[in-house]
């Protein structure tokens, strides 16, 4: 949803669990670059600004895109605000999307599901121990909510983040791809999202250590095998490398040339 970002997390265009307490900065994951949610009423950045529902009460300008996305942080943590925005958007016939990590009660989804056209849905791990190790919380609710969205016939883009040293085990990646396939036609596409270092500057400005500064390179052969599996299962699947991987590939191509 267009407007001022909720806070600095919105500028990363990444969804992560607000309950995250594990060792991995999951903000270091690529995501779709789409419009952002506006400042919710009462937030620290709300002073003197018009709230999203008030802004959306006016017809969109001719140059405004016909797609709006709520992301964050976790957009559904502010489900009341997001619900109001979605209502206004659908009244204007605008396509809507929510970027979510899925780790909220189903009741939150129930409040917005009828006014959301697309869910961008992160699945960080199938293995329960790995999920807890990386996020500090169980992944069961994430999987359950994905199933319920599929049963409701809601379109999803499943994003499978790949962070070497945490969730890049071949068995778990294969299990995530198979899980996405099990959701049936609700899954319009699957994105393998590579690790990037765009969060380094923020950590430095805050005087924080960046715990994944020496992350190993992704196994390209593993990525290729996962892509092949996804295609065999009938998925529209692609790999979006992180900044590190993209830079490394450019460097290699330069040397070859």
Protein backbone atom coordinates (compact mmCIF):
# COMPACT_ATOMS: atom_id res chain seq x y z
CA UNK A 1 0.00 0.00 0.00
CA UNK A 2 1.51 3.25 -1.13
CA UNK A 3 2.76 5.95 1.23
CA UNK A 4 5.29 6.49 3.96
CA UNK A 5 6.88 3.31 5.34
CA UNK A 6 5.83 2.10 8.76
CA UNK A 7 9.41 2.18 9.99
CA UNK A 8 12.89 1.45 8.71
CA UNK A 9 12.08 -2.26 8.36
CA UNK A 10 9.65 -1.41 5.54
CA UNK A 11 12.48 -0.08 3.39
CA UNK A 12 13.97 -3.56 3.12
CA UNK A 13 10.85 -4.95 1.39
CA UNK A 14 11.28 -8.09 3.48
CA UNK A 15 8.95 -10.02 5.73
CA UNK A 16 10.36 -11.59 8.88
CA UNK A 17 8.94 -12.86 12.14
CA UNK A 18 8.66 -10.08 14.71
CA UNK A 19 9.16 -12.83 17.26
CA UNK A 20 12.57 -13.59 15.71
CA UNK A 21 15.16 -14.28 18.37
CA UNK A 22 17.55 -16.56 16.52
CA UNK A 23 21.05 -15.79 15.28
CA UNK A 24 20.19 -15.04 11.65
CA UNK A 25 19.27 -11.52 10.43
CA UNK A 26 16.45 -12.64 8.17
CA UNK A 27 16.09 -9.08 6.89
CA UNK A 28 19.01 -10.13 4.68
CA UNK A 29 16.76 -11.89 2.21
CA UNK A 30 15.64 -10.64 -1.17
CA UNK A 31 11.99 -10.01 -1.91
CA UNK A 32 9.71 -8.48 -4.53
CA UNK A 33 10.13 -4.73 -4.97
CA UNK A 34 6.55 -3.54 -4.69
CA UNK A 35 4.78 -0.56 -3.05
CA UNK A 36 4.77 -0.27 0.75
CA UNK A 37 2.19 0.04 3.49
CA UNK A 38 1.49 3.56 4.75
CA UNK A 39 2.10 4.82 8.27
CA UNK A 40 -0.48 3.36 10.70
CA UNK A 41 -2.36 5.84 12.88
CA UNK A 42 -0.67 6.39 16.23
CA UNK A 43 2.79 5.30 15.13
CA UNK A 44 5.89 7.36 15.91
CA UNK A 45 5.97 8.60 12.29
CA UNK A 46 2.26 9.40 12.09
CA UNK A 47 2.40 12.97 13.40
CA UNK A 48 0.82 15.37 10.91
CA UNK A 49 0.27 12.70 8.27
CA UNK A 50 -2.90 11.32 6.74
CA UNK A 51 -3.65 7.69 7.56
CA UNK A 52 -3.90 5.02 4.87
CA UNK A 53 -7.72 4.67 4.99
CA UNK A 54 -8.11 8.48 4.74
CA UNK A 55 -5.70 8.69 1.82
CA UNK A 56 -7.47 5.85 0.04
CA UNK A 57 -10.86 7.54 0.42
CA UNK A 58 -9.79 9.70 -2.53
CA UNK A 59 -9.74 8.28 -6.09
CA UNK A 60 -6.23 7.31 -7.21
CA UNK A 61 -4.27 9.72 -9.39
CA UNK A 62 -4.03 8.75 -13.08
CA UNK A 63 -0.38 7.77 -12.67
CA UNK A 64 -0.97 5.55 -9.62
CA UNK A 65 -0.25 1.85 -10.07
CA UNK A 66 -3.20 -0.51 -9.92
CA UNK A 67 -1.43 -2.82 -7.47
CA UNK A 68 -0.77 -2.18 -3.80
CA UNK A 69 1.19 -4.36 -1.38
CA UNK A 70 1.29 -4.45 2.40
CA UNK A 71 4.64 -5.54 3.78
CA UNK A 72 6.90 -4.74 6.69
CA UNK A 73 8.09 -6.12 9.18
CA UNK A 74 5.00 -8.32 9.41
CA UNK A 75 2.05 -6.44 7.95
CA UNK A 76 -0.51 -8.68 9.67
CA UNK A 77 0.69 -7.65 13.12
CA UNK A 78 -1.22 -4.43 12.30
CA UNK A 79 -4.18 -6.36 10.96
CA UNK A 80 -6.82 -3.77 11.89
CA UNK A 81 -5.03 -1.03 10.00
CA UNK A 82 -4.24 -3.29 7.04
CA UNK A 83 -7.85 -4.49 6.92
CA UNK A 84 -9.12 -0.91 6.61
CA UNK A 85 -6.63 -0.18 3.84
CA UNK A 86 -7.61 -3.31 1.93
CA UNK A 87 -11.28 -2.35 2.13
CA UNK A 88 -10.57 1.07 0.60
CA UNK A 89 -8.37 -0.42 -2.11
CA UNK A 90 -10.91 -3.05 -3.15
CA UNK A 91 -13.63 -0.38 -3.28
CA UNK A 92 -11.46 1.24 -5.96
CA UNK A 93 -10.88 -2.04 -7.80
CA UNK A 94 -7.16 -2.14 -6.98
CA UNK A 95 -5.28 -5.44 -6.89
CA UNK A 96 -3.90 -6.12 -3.39
CA UNK A 97 -1.09 -8.23 -1.97
CA UNK A 98 0.26 -9.00 1.50
CA UNK A 99 3.87 -9.95 2.16
CA UNK A 100 3.91 -12.29 5.15
CA UNK A 101 6.04 -14.74 7.08
CA UNK A 102 2.84 -16.57 8.05
CA UNK A 103 3.63 -16.71 11.77
CA UNK A 104 0.43 -15.09 13.06
CA UNK A 105 -2.85 -16.61 14.27
CA UNK A 106 -5.18 -17.73 11.49
CA UNK A 107 -7.72 -15.20 12.75
CA UNK A 108 -5.48 -12.43 11.43
CA UNK A 109 -5.61 -13.94 7.95
CA UNK A 110 -9.37 -14.45 8.27
CA UNK A 111 -9.82 -10.68 8.67
CA UNK A 112 -8.14 -9.88 5.33
CA UNK A 113 -8.38 -12.99 3.17
CA UNK A 114 -11.48 -11.90 1.26
CA UNK A 115 -9.86 -8.57 0.26
CA UNK A 116 -6.37 -9.86 -0.58
CA UNK A 117 -5.69 -11.02 -4.12
CA UNK A 118 -2.17 -12.30 -3.57
CA UNK A 119 -0.07 -13.52 -0.65
CA UNK A 120 3.72 -13.39 -0.89
CA UNK A 121 4.49 -16.15 1.56
CA UNK A 122 7.88 -16.97 3.13
CA UNK A 123 8.74 -20.54 4.12
CA UNK A 124 12.10 -20.53 5.86
CA UNK A 125 12.40 -24.22 6.78
CA UNK A 126 10.37 -27.42 6.99
CA UNK A 127 12.63 -29.03 9.56
CA UNK A 128 11.32 -27.91 12.94
CA UNK A 129 14.72 -27.82 14.65
CA UNK A 130 16.20 -25.74 11.84
CA UNK A 131 13.29 -23.32 11.95
CA UNK A 132 13.62 -22.83 15.69
CA UNK A 133 17.38 -22.46 15.40
CA UNK A 134 17.09 -19.70 12.83
CA UNK A 135 13.97 -17.83 13.97
CA UNK A 136 13.47 -18.76 17.61
CA UNK A 137 9.91 -20.00 16.94
CA UNK A 138 8.13 -23.08 15.62
CA UNK A 139 7.35 -23.27 11.92
CA UNK A 140 4.19 -25.34 12.31
CA UNK A 141 1.81 -22.38 12.24
CA UNK A 142 3.52 -21.07 9.09
CA UNK A 143 2.80 -24.34 7.28
CA UNK A 144 -0.72 -24.66 8.66
CA UNK A 145 -1.65 -21.14 7.54
CA UNK A 146 -0.25 -21.81 4.06
CA UNK A 147 -2.46 -24.90 3.80
CA UNK A 148 -5.52 -22.93 4.89
CA UNK A 149 -4.84 -20.18 2.36
CA UNK A 150 -4.55 -22.83 -0.36
CA UNK A 151 -7.82 -24.43 0.77
CA UNK A 152 -9.42 -20.98 0.53
CA UNK A 153 -8.20 -20.76 -3.06
CA UNK A 154 -5.97 -17.74 -2.44
CA UNK A 155 -3.17 -17.10 -4.91
CA UNK A 156 0.31 -17.39 -3.39
CA UNK A 157 3.87 -16.70 -4.39
CA UNK A 158 5.94 -18.97 -2.17
CA UNK A 159 9.41 -17.61 -1.31
CA UNK A 160 12.06 -20.04 -0.11
CA UNK A 161 14.91 -18.12 1.45
CA UNK A 162 18.32 -19.82 1.14
CA UNK A 163 20.92 -18.92 3.77
CA UNK A 164 24.08 -21.08 3.62
CA UNK A 165 24.87 -22.63 6.96
CA UNK A 166 21.30 -22.51 8.20
CA UNK A 167 18.54 -23.64 5.85
CA UNK A 168 20.42 -24.82 2.76
CA UNK A 169 20.34 -28.54 3.55
CA UNK A 170 19.37 -30.42 0.39
CA UNK A 171 16.71 -32.46 2.18
CA UNK A 172 15.00 -29.42 3.67
CA UNK A 173 15.06 -27.45 0.42
CA UNK A 174 13.53 -30.43 -1.38
CA UNK A 175 10.90 -30.74 1.35
CA UNK A 176 10.00 -27.05 1.00
CA UNK A 177 9.60 -27.40 -2.76
CA UNK A 178 7.44 -30.49 -2.33
CA UNK A 179 5.35 -28.69 0.27
CA UNK A 180 4.79 -25.80 -2.15
CA UNK A 181 3.72 -28.29 -4.83
CA UNK A 182 1.33 -29.95 -2.36
CA UNK A 183 -0.60 -26.68 -2.07
CA UNK A 184 -1.84 -27.17 -5.62
CA UNK A 185 -3.00 -24.50 -8.06
CA UNK A 186 -3.07 -21.81 -5.38
CA UNK A 187 0.72 -21.53 -5.80
CA UNK A 188 1.27 -19.35 -8.84
CA UNK A 189 5.06 -19.26 -8.53
CA UNK A 190 7.94 -20.23 -6.27
CA UNK A 191 11.03 -18.07 -5.75
CA UNK A 192 14.31 -19.27 -4.30
CA UNK A 193 15.66 -16.14 -2.64
CA UNK A 194 19.37 -15.82 -2.05
CA UNK A 195 21.09 -14.17 0.89
CA UNK A 196 22.28 -10.58 0.49
CA UNK A 197 24.24 -8.07 2.55
CA UNK A 198 22.00 -5.02 2.23
CA UNK A 199 21.52 -5.01 6.01
CA UNK A 200 25.22 -4.50 6.80
CA UNK A 201 25.04 -0.70 6.68
CA UNK A 202 22.08 -0.59 9.05
CA UNK A 203 23.87 -2.79 11.57
CA UNK A 204 26.95 -0.58 11.43
CA UNK A 205 24.93 2.61 11.91
CA UNK A 206 23.28 1.07 14.97
CA UNK A 207 26.62 -0.08 16.38
CA UNK A 208 25.61 -3.74 16.03
CA UNK A 209 27.72 -6.69 14.95
CA UNK A 210 26.67 -8.27 11.66
CA UNK A 211 26.67 -11.94 12.54
CA UNK A 212 26.70 -13.32 9.00
CA UNK A 213 29.56 -11.25 7.60
CA UNK A 214 31.46 -14.42 6.62
CA UNK A 215 28.59 -16.41 5.16
CA UNK A 216 29.76 -19.09 2.68
CA UNK A 217 28.78 -19.05 -0.97
CA UNK A 218 25.59 -20.81 -1.97
CA UNK A 219 26.01 -24.20 -3.61
CA UNK A 220 25.05 -23.49 -7.22
CA UNK A 221 24.70 -27.21 -8.00
CA UNK A 222 22.23 -27.51 -5.14
CA UNK A 223 20.20 -24.58 -6.48
CA UNK A 224 20.12 -26.17 -9.93
CA UNK A 225 18.88 -29.47 -8.50
CA UNK A 226 16.15 -27.72 -6.51
CA UNK A 227 15.03 -25.81 -9.60
CA UNK A 228 14.92 -29.08 -11.56
CA UNK A 229 12.85 -30.74 -8.83
CA UNK A 230 10.41 -27.84 -8.80
CA UNK A 231 9.94 -28.00 -12.55
CA UNK A 232 9.40 -31.74 -12.40
CA UNK A 233 6.65 -31.08 -9.86
CA UNK A 234 5.01 -28.60 -12.22
CA UNK A 235 6.01 -25.44 -10.37
CA UNK A 236 6.88 -22.11 -11.95
CA UNK A 237 10.13 -21.78 -10.01
CA UNK A 238 13.11 -19.46 -10.35
CA UNK A 239 16.20 -18.42 -8.43
CA UNK A 240 16.82 -14.82 -7.42
CA UNK A 241 20.43 -14.62 -6.19
CA UNK A 242 21.38 -12.24 -3.44
CA UNK A 243 23.73 -9.32 -3.96
CA UNK A 244 26.78 -11.38 -2.98
CA UNK A 245 25.98 -14.16 -5.44
CA UNK A 246 25.14 -11.75 -8.24
CA UNK A 247 28.40 -9.83 -7.72
CA UNK A 248 30.35 -13.08 -7.61
CA UNK A 249 28.82 -14.24 -10.90
CA UNK A 250 29.60 -10.89 -12.55
CA UNK A 251 33.20 -11.12 -11.35
CA UNK A 252 33.56 -14.64 -12.71
CA UNK A 253 32.08 -13.67 -16.06
CA UNK A 254 34.49 -10.75 -16.22
CA UNK A 255 37.50 -13.00 -15.67
CA UNK A 256 36.29 -15.47 -18.28
CA UNK A 257 35.71 -12.68 -20.78
